[in-house]
Amino acid sequence: MCGLLFSVFEAQWPGSLSIQGLPLAESKQNPLAHTIYFSFVTMATVGYGDIIPVGGPARALAVAEAISCQMYLVVIVARLMTLHQGKEDNRNDRSAPQ
């Protein structure tokens, strides 16, 4: 989803993303493929640095994507831990003498 938004930003504001020092628009390759790749790199907070956001809206979206993806990961892990803990509690309740 964010890859598509980055592609829209690049179409609306050419030069929002830079690939290896050149504007993405000057690259003779598919911009959607580059923006999806950039989105995955941002989502994983890897930050290779080969594609960088230059414009304000692209930078804001990159920050929002990185934060929201990390928060999503935290919520999922917390939920899984809660479910696991609940199963452990149920097992202990069944084995306790009454």
Protein backbone atom coordinates (compact mmCIF):
# COMPACT_ATOMS: atom_id res chain seq x y z
CA MET A 1 0.00 0.00 0.00
CA CYS A 2 2.75 2.44 0.92
CA GLY A 3 4.69 1.47 -2.19
CA LEU A 4 1.73 2.59 -4.25
CA LEU A 5 1.51 5.82 -2.25
CA PHE A 6 5.20 6.49 -2.85
CA SER A 7 4.55 5.96 -6.55
CA VAL A 8 1.67 8.46 -6.43
CA PHE A 9 3.89 10.96 -4.59
CA GLU A 10 6.56 10.55 -7.25
CA ALA A 11 4.00 11.16 -10.00
CA GLN A 12 2.52 14.17 -8.19
CA TRP A 13 5.84 15.66 -7.05
CA PRO A 14 8.60 14.44 -9.41
CA GLY A 15 11.89 14.09 -7.60
CA SER A 16 10.31 13.02 -4.29
CA LEU A 17 12.53 9.95 -4.29
CA SER A 18 16.16 9.74 -5.30
CA ILE A 19 17.80 6.54 -6.51
CA GLN A 20 21.59 6.53 -6.19
CA GLY A 21 21.74 10.32 -6.32
CA LEU A 22 19.45 10.79 -9.32
CA PRO A 23 15.73 11.57 -9.28
CA LEU A 24 13.64 8.43 -9.64
CA ALA A 25 11.92 9.98 -12.67
CA GLU A 26 15.26 9.96 -14.54
CA SER A 27 15.66 6.24 -13.94
CA LYS A 28 14.68 4.31 -17.05
CA GLN A 29 13.19 1.52 -14.93
CA ASN A 30 9.68 0.90 -13.60
CA PRO A 31 9.08 3.44 -10.81
CA LEU A 32 6.38 1.28 -9.16
CA ALA A 33 8.86 -1.56 -8.68
CA HIS A 34 11.32 0.84 -7.04
CA THR A 35 8.70 2.36 -4.75
CA ILE A 36 7.47 -1.07 -3.63
CA TYR A 37 11.07 -2.09 -2.95
CA PHE A 38 11.63 1.15 -1.01
CA SER A 39 8.46 0.48 0.96
CA PHE A 40 9.63 -3.00 2.00
CA VAL A 41 13.05 -1.65 3.00
CA THR A 42 11.38 1.11 5.02
CA MET A 43 8.87 -1.30 6.56
CA ALA A 44 11.69 -3.53 7.76
CA THR A 45 13.66 -0.44 8.91
CA VAL A 46 16.68 -1.76 7.01
CA GLY A 47 17.52 1.52 5.29
CA TYR A 48 19.95 0.44 2.59
CA GLY A 49 20.27 4.01 1.33
CA ASP A 50 20.08 3.26 -2.38
CA ILE A 51 16.68 4.99 -2.60
CA ILE A 52 16.03 7.96 -0.33
CA PRO A 53 13.02 10.23 0.16
CA VAL A 54 13.87 13.78 -0.84
CA GLY A 55 10.55 15.62 -0.73
CA GLY A 56 8.66 16.45 2.44
CA PRO A 57 5.59 14.27 1.78
CA ALA A 58 7.76 11.28 0.88
CA ARG A 59 9.83 11.72 4.04
CA ALA A 60 6.69 12.00 6.17
CA LEU A 61 5.24 8.83 4.63
CA ALA A 62 8.53 6.96 5.16
CA VAL A 63 8.58 7.90 8.85
CA ALA A 64 4.88 7.05 9.28
CA GLU A 65 5.38 3.69 7.57
CA ALA A 66 8.41 2.77 9.68
CA ILE A 67 6.67 3.69 12.95
CA SER A 68 3.35 2.06 12.09
CA CYS A 69 5.00 -1.18 10.95
CA GLN A 70 7.05 -1.42 14.14
CA MET A 71 3.94 -0.74 16.23
CA TYR A 72 2.06 -3.42 14.28
CA LEU A 73 4.83 -5.90 15.03
CA VAL A 74 4.73 -5.05 18.74
CA VAL A 75 0.94 -5.47 18.89
CA ILE A 76 1.06 -8.83 17.08
CA VAL A 77 3.81 -10.19 19.36
CA ALA A 78 1.96 -8.97 22.47
CA ARG A 79 -1.25 -10.61 21.26
CA LEU A 80 0.51 -13.91 20.57
CA MET A 81 2.15 -13.83 23.99
CA THR A 82 -1.22 -13.16 25.64
CA LEU A 83 -2.79 -16.11 23.81
CA HIS A 84 0.13 -18.35 24.78
CA GLN A 85 -0.06 -17.27 28.42
CA GLY A 86 -3.80 -17.96 28.45
CA LYS A 87 -3.21 -21.53 27.26
CA GLU A 88 -0.57 -22.04 29.95
CA ASP A 89 -2.98 -20.76 32.61
CA ASN A 90 -5.73 -23.11 31.37
CA ARG A 91 -3.35 -26.08 31.48
CA ASN A 92 -2.27 -25.23 35.03
CA ASP A 93 -5.88 -24.82 36.18
CA ARG A 94 -6.82 -28.27 34.86
CA SER A 95 -3.88 -30.02 36.50
CA ALA A 96 -4.33 -28.40 39.92
CA PRO A 97 -6.06 -30.62 42.51
CA GLN A 98 -9.47 -29.47 43.62
